[in-house]
Amino acid sequence: MNKDPFKEYIKGSEPGKRDKGYAWHTAIGLQAVDGLKTSEYLMHTAVRNIEGEISFEEANALLQTYYAENPACDSEDRTEEADKVSARIAALLSERAFSFTPNEYLSIHRKLFTGIYSHAVRANYNDLKNGIHETTEFLELFKKSYAE
């Protein structure tokens, strides 16, 4: 898939599909901003979710199984991280219950990175305050754009 499969959902779909399309588009875009590339498998899985064939939980389970059966050959390949975090972001955005406090940020950080980075559960308010996590700026920008 060379073109963005989510644009058609965002522009001209029923509300549920439009919202899911926007969530996936945003989640994958946040990974791209961090220089990460998602897989074609994630794109197909996302479309299945948007179409209502599978839930976000099933999408996450499919990704877990896919990467258990297809581990990366290159230790520098961060596609698995990009895919799993994208799926978690899309699910989180679909919850529609944001309060962007430091505690909420830390909770989001744990949801996104647990099982991907060992330090994910050790993030604390000082990390947030000191700007160690690059994601902070992107999530803040997202919050503003999603609220509009």
C-alpha atoms as a PDB file:
ATOM      1  CA  MET A   1       0.000   0.000   0.000  1.00  0.00           C
ATOM      2  CA  ASN A   2       1.763   3.093  -1.215  1.00  0.00           C
ATOM      3  CA  LYS A   3      -1.102   5.515  -0.697  1.00  0.00           C
ATOM      4  CA  ASP A   4      -2.669   6.414   2.623  1.00  0.00           C
ATOM      5  CA  PRO A   5      -5.582   3.995   3.015  1.00  0.00           C
ATOM      6  CA  PHE A   6      -7.105   6.120   5.766  1.00  0.00           C
ATOM      7  CA  LYS A   7      -7.863   9.257   3.757  1.00  0.00           C
ATOM      8  CA  GLU A   8     -10.980   7.741   2.192  1.00  0.00           C
ATOM      9  CA  TYR A   9     -12.316   6.887   5.633  1.00  0.00           C
ATOM     10  CA  ILE A  10     -11.573  10.340   7.030  1.00  0.00           C
ATOM     11  CA  LYS A  11     -13.132  12.218   4.105  1.00  0.00           C
ATOM     12  CA  GLY A  12     -16.259  10.275   3.326  1.00  0.00           C
ATOM     13  CA  SER A  13     -17.354   7.590   5.723  1.00  0.00           C
ATOM     14  CA  GLU A  14     -19.913   7.065   8.392  1.00  0.00           C
ATOM     15  CA  PRO A  15     -18.838   8.505  11.762  1.00  0.00           C
ATOM     16  CA  GLY A  16     -17.509   5.274  13.324  1.00  0.00           C
ATOM     17  CA  LYS A  17     -15.270   4.508  10.361  1.00  0.00           C
ATOM     18  CA  ARG A  18     -14.206   8.127  10.058  1.00  0.00           C
ATOM     19  CA  ASP A  19     -13.188   8.258  13.727  1.00  0.00           C
ATOM     20  CA  LYS A  20     -11.257   4.998  13.534  1.00  0.00           C
ATOM     21  CA  GLY A  21      -9.614   6.098  10.274  1.00  0.00           C
ATOM     22  CA  TYR A  22      -8.531   9.334  11.904  1.00  0.00           C
ATOM     23  CA  ALA A  23      -7.224   7.478  14.979  1.00  0.00           C
ATOM     24  CA  TRP A  24      -5.138   5.080  12.869  1.00  0.00           C
ATOM     25  CA  HIS A  25      -3.914   7.867  10.583  1.00  0.00           C
ATOM     26  CA  THR A  26      -2.834   9.923  13.589  1.00  0.00           C
ATOM     27  CA  ALA A  27      -1.226   6.964  15.383  1.00  0.00           C
ATOM     28  CA  ILE A  28       0.837   5.983  12.352  1.00  0.00           C
ATOM     29  CA  GLY A  29       1.689   9.638  11.702  1.00  0.00           C
ATOM     30  CA  LEU A  30       3.048   9.981  15.243  1.00  0.00           C
ATOM     31  CA  GLN A  31       5.359   7.060  14.558  1.00  0.00           C
ATOM     32  CA  ALA A  32       6.507   8.672  11.305  1.00  0.00           C
ATOM     33  CA  VAL A  33       7.307  11.896  13.160  1.00  0.00           C
ATOM     34  CA  ASP A  34       9.605   9.824  15.371  1.00  0.00           C
ATOM     35  CA  GLY A  35      11.262   8.431  12.228  1.00  0.00           C
ATOM     36  CA  LEU A  36       9.600   5.020  12.525  1.00  0.00           C
ATOM     37  CA  LYS A  37       7.943   3.140   9.688  1.00  0.00           C
ATOM     38  CA  THR A  38       5.006   0.807  10.168  1.00  0.00           C
ATOM     39  CA  SER A  39       4.478  -2.423   8.264  1.00  0.00           C
ATOM     40  CA  GLU A  40       2.056  -3.343   5.524  1.00  0.00           C
ATOM     41  CA  TYR A  41       0.671  -5.916   7.957  1.00  0.00           C
ATOM     42  CA  LEU A  42      -0.326  -3.119  10.339  1.00  0.00           C
ATOM     43  CA  MET A  43      -2.023  -1.218   7.504  1.00  0.00           C
ATOM     44  CA  HIS A  44      -4.111  -4.262   6.570  1.00  0.00           C
ATOM     45  CA  THR A  45      -4.914  -4.924  10.227  1.00  0.00           C
ATOM     46  CA  ALA A  46      -5.952  -1.292  10.716  1.00  0.00           C
ATOM     47  CA  VAL A  47      -8.278  -1.415   7.705  1.00  0.00           C
ATOM     48  CA  ARG A  48      -9.871  -4.587   9.102  1.00  0.00           C
ATOM     49  CA  ASN A  49     -10.457  -2.733  12.364  1.00  0.00           C
ATOM     50  CA  ILE A  50     -11.944   0.295  10.624  1.00  0.00           C
ATOM     51  CA  GLU A  51     -14.248  -1.939   8.613  1.00  0.00           C
ATOM     52  CA  GLY A  52     -15.491  -3.530  11.832  1.00  0.00           C
ATOM     53  CA  GLU A  53     -14.079  -6.997  11.123  1.00  0.00           C
ATOM     54  CA  ILE A  54     -11.914  -6.944  14.261  1.00  0.00           C
ATOM     55  CA  SER A  55     -11.742  -4.947  17.493  1.00  0.00           C
ATOM     56  CA  PHE A  56      -8.733  -3.007  18.737  1.00  0.00           C
ATOM     57  CA  GLU A  57      -8.057  -5.841  21.175  1.00  0.00           C
ATOM     58  CA  GLU A  58      -8.061  -8.342  18.312  1.00  0.00           C
ATOM     59  CA  ALA A  59      -5.781  -6.072  16.273  1.00  0.00           C
ATOM     60  CA  ASN A  60      -3.308  -5.999  19.165  1.00  0.00           C
ATOM     61  CA  ALA A  61      -3.513  -9.771  19.559  1.00  0.00           C
ATOM     62  CA  LEU A  62      -2.887 -10.261  15.838  1.00  0.00           C
ATOM     63  CA  LEU A  63       0.191  -8.035  16.042  1.00  0.00           C
ATOM     64  CA  GLN A  64       1.502  -9.966  19.054  1.00  0.00           C
ATOM     65  CA  THR A  65       1.105 -13.247  17.181  1.00  0.00           C
ATOM     66  CA  TYR A  66       2.558 -11.842  13.962  1.00  0.00           C
ATOM     67  CA  TYR A  67       5.744 -10.647  15.669  1.00  0.00           C
ATOM     68  CA  ALA A  68       6.080 -13.816  17.740  1.00  0.00           C
ATOM     69  CA  GLU A  69       6.042 -15.780  14.478  1.00  0.00           C
ATOM     70  CA  ASN A  70       8.056 -13.229  12.445  1.00  0.00           C
ATOM     71  CA  PRO A  71      10.783 -11.760  14.661  1.00  0.00           C
ATOM     72  CA  ALA A  72      12.946  -8.993  13.237  1.00  0.00           C
ATOM     73  CA  CYS A  73      16.226 -10.170  11.727  1.00  0.00           C
ATOM     74  CA  ASP A  74      17.904  -6.812  12.289  1.00  0.00           C
ATOM     75  CA  SER A  75      18.228  -5.498  15.845  1.00  0.00           C
ATOM     76  CA  GLU A  76      17.998  -1.947  14.466  1.00  0.00           C
ATOM     77  CA  ASP A  77      14.593  -2.642  12.869  1.00  0.00           C
ATOM     78  CA  ARG A  78      11.957  -0.794  14.906  1.00  0.00           C
ATOM     79  CA  THR A  79       8.952  -1.772  12.796  1.00  0.00           C
ATOM     80  CA  GLU A  80       7.561  -3.998  15.551  1.00  0.00           C
ATOM     81  CA  GLU A  81       7.709  -1.098  17.998  1.00  0.00           C
ATOM     82  CA  ALA A  82       6.052   1.232  15.474  1.00  0.00           C
ATOM     83  CA  ASP A  83       3.265  -1.263  14.757  1.00  0.00           C
ATOM     84  CA  LYS A  84       2.501  -2.116  18.366  1.00  0.00           C
ATOM     85  CA  VAL A  85       2.626   1.462  19.579  1.00  0.00           C
ATOM     86  CA  SER A  86       0.479   2.614  16.632  1.00  0.00           C
ATOM     87  CA  ALA A  87      -2.184   0.056  17.515  1.00  0.00           C
ATOM     88  CA  ARG A  88      -2.108   1.135  21.146  1.00  0.00           C
ATOM     89  CA  ILE A  89      -2.341   4.820  20.230  1.00  0.00           C
ATOM     90  CA  ALA A  90      -5.269   4.182  17.861  1.00  0.00           C
ATOM     91  CA  ALA A  91      -7.115   2.268  20.589  1.00  0.00           C
ATOM     92  CA  LEU A  92      -6.372   4.990  23.111  1.00  0.00           C
ATOM     93  CA  LEU A  93      -7.578   7.743  20.777  1.00  0.00           C
ATOM     94  CA  SER A  94     -10.785   5.843  20.192  1.00  0.00           C
ATOM     95  CA  GLU A  95     -11.593   5.852  23.904  1.00  0.00           C
ATOM     96  CA  ARG A  96     -12.415   9.575  23.711  1.00  0.00           C
ATOM     97  CA  ALA A  97     -11.679  10.119  27.400  1.00  0.00           C
ATOM     98  CA  PHE A  98      -8.667  12.402  27.522  1.00  0.00           C
ATOM     99  CA  SER A  99      -7.516  14.465  30.433  1.00  0.00           C
ATOM    100  CA  PHE A 100      -3.982  15.473  29.709  1.00  0.00           C
ATOM    101  CA  THR A 101      -2.516  15.718  33.199  1.00  0.00           C
ATOM    102  CA  PRO A 102       0.973  14.490  34.167  1.00  0.00           C
ATOM    103  CA  ASN A 103      -0.577  11.384  35.718  1.00  0.00           C
ATOM    104  CA  GLU A 104      -2.592  10.715  32.566  1.00  0.00           C
ATOM    105  CA  TYR A 105       0.535  11.171  30.453  1.00  0.00           C
ATOM    106  CA  LEU A 106       2.398   8.611  32.574  1.00  0.00           C
ATOM    107  CA  SER A 107      -0.545   6.236  32.290  1.00  0.00           C
ATOM    108  CA  ILE A 108      -0.572   6.669  28.499  1.00  0.00           C
ATOM    109  CA  HIS A 109       3.195   6.140  28.385  1.00  0.00           C
ATOM    110  CA  ARG A 110       2.847   2.830  30.243  1.00  0.00           C
ATOM    111  CA  LYS A 111      -0.004   1.677  27.982  1.00  0.00           C
ATOM    112  CA  LEU A 112       1.996   2.467  24.855  1.00  0.00           C
ATOM    113  CA  PHE A 113       5.411   1.115  25.781  1.00  0.00           C
ATOM    114  CA  THR A 114       4.942  -1.701  28.328  1.00  0.00           C
ATOM    115  CA  GLY A 115       6.483  -4.817  26.849  1.00  0.00           C
ATOM    116  CA  ILE A 116       8.414  -2.784  24.298  1.00  0.00           C
ATOM    117  CA  TYR A 117      10.807  -0.882  26.547  1.00  0.00           C
ATOM    118  CA  SER A 118      11.802  -2.123  29.984  1.00  0.00           C
ATOM    119  CA  HIS A 119      11.952   1.433  31.313  1.00  0.00           C
ATOM    120  CA  ALA A 120       8.362   2.182  30.270  1.00  0.00           C
ATOM    121  CA  VAL A 121       6.925   1.374  33.664  1.00  0.00           C
ATOM    122  CA  ARG A 122       9.652   3.367  35.436  1.00  0.00           C
ATOM    123  CA  ALA A 123       8.815   6.686  33.788  1.00  0.00           C
ATOM    124  CA  ASN A 124       7.922   9.289  36.350  1.00  0.00           C
ATOM    125  CA  TYR A 125       6.941  12.904  36.669  1.00  0.00           C
ATOM    126  CA  ASN A 126      10.573  14.068  36.639  1.00  0.00           C
ATOM    127  CA  ASP A 127      11.024  12.418  33.225  1.00  0.00           C
ATOM    128  CA  LEU A 128       8.012  14.343  31.986  1.00  0.00           C
ATOM    129  CA  LYS A 129       9.099  17.609  33.601  1.00  0.00           C
ATOM    130  CA  ASN A 130      12.639  17.330  32.227  1.00  0.00           C
ATOM    131  CA  GLY A 131      11.412  16.598  28.711  1.00  0.00           C
ATOM    132  CA  ILE A 132      13.209  13.265  28.368  1.00  0.00           C
ATOM    133  CA  HIS A 133      10.353  11.736  26.405  1.00  0.00           C
ATOM    134  CA  GLU A 134      10.090  13.166  22.893  1.00  0.00           C
ATOM    135  CA  THR A 135       6.521  11.936  22.655  1.00  0.00           C
ATOM    136  CA  THR A 136       5.309  14.663  25.011  1.00  0.00           C
ATOM    137  CA  GLU A 137       5.403  17.372  22.360  1.00  0.00           C
ATOM    138  CA  PHE A 138       3.689  15.171  19.771  1.00  0.00           C
ATOM    139  CA  LEU A 139       0.933  14.100  22.159  1.00  0.00           C
ATOM    140  CA  GLU A 140       0.314  17.715  23.094  1.00  0.00           C
ATOM    141  CA  LEU A 141       0.012  18.648  19.414  1.00  0.00           C
ATOM    142  CA  PHE A 142      -2.285  15.697  18.877  1.00  0.00           C
ATOM    143  CA  LYS A 143      -4.459  16.674  21.815  1.00  0.00           C
ATOM    144  CA  LYS A 144      -4.937  20.133  20.304  1.00  0.00           C
ATOM    145  CA  SER A 145      -5.737  18.840  16.812  1.00  0.00           C
ATOM    146  CA  TYR A 146      -8.050  16.063  17.998  1.00  0.00           C
ATOM    147  CA  ALA A 147     -10.039  18.441  20.184  1.00  0.00           C
ATOM    148  CA  GLU A 148     -10.846  20.667  17.196  1.00  0.00           C
END
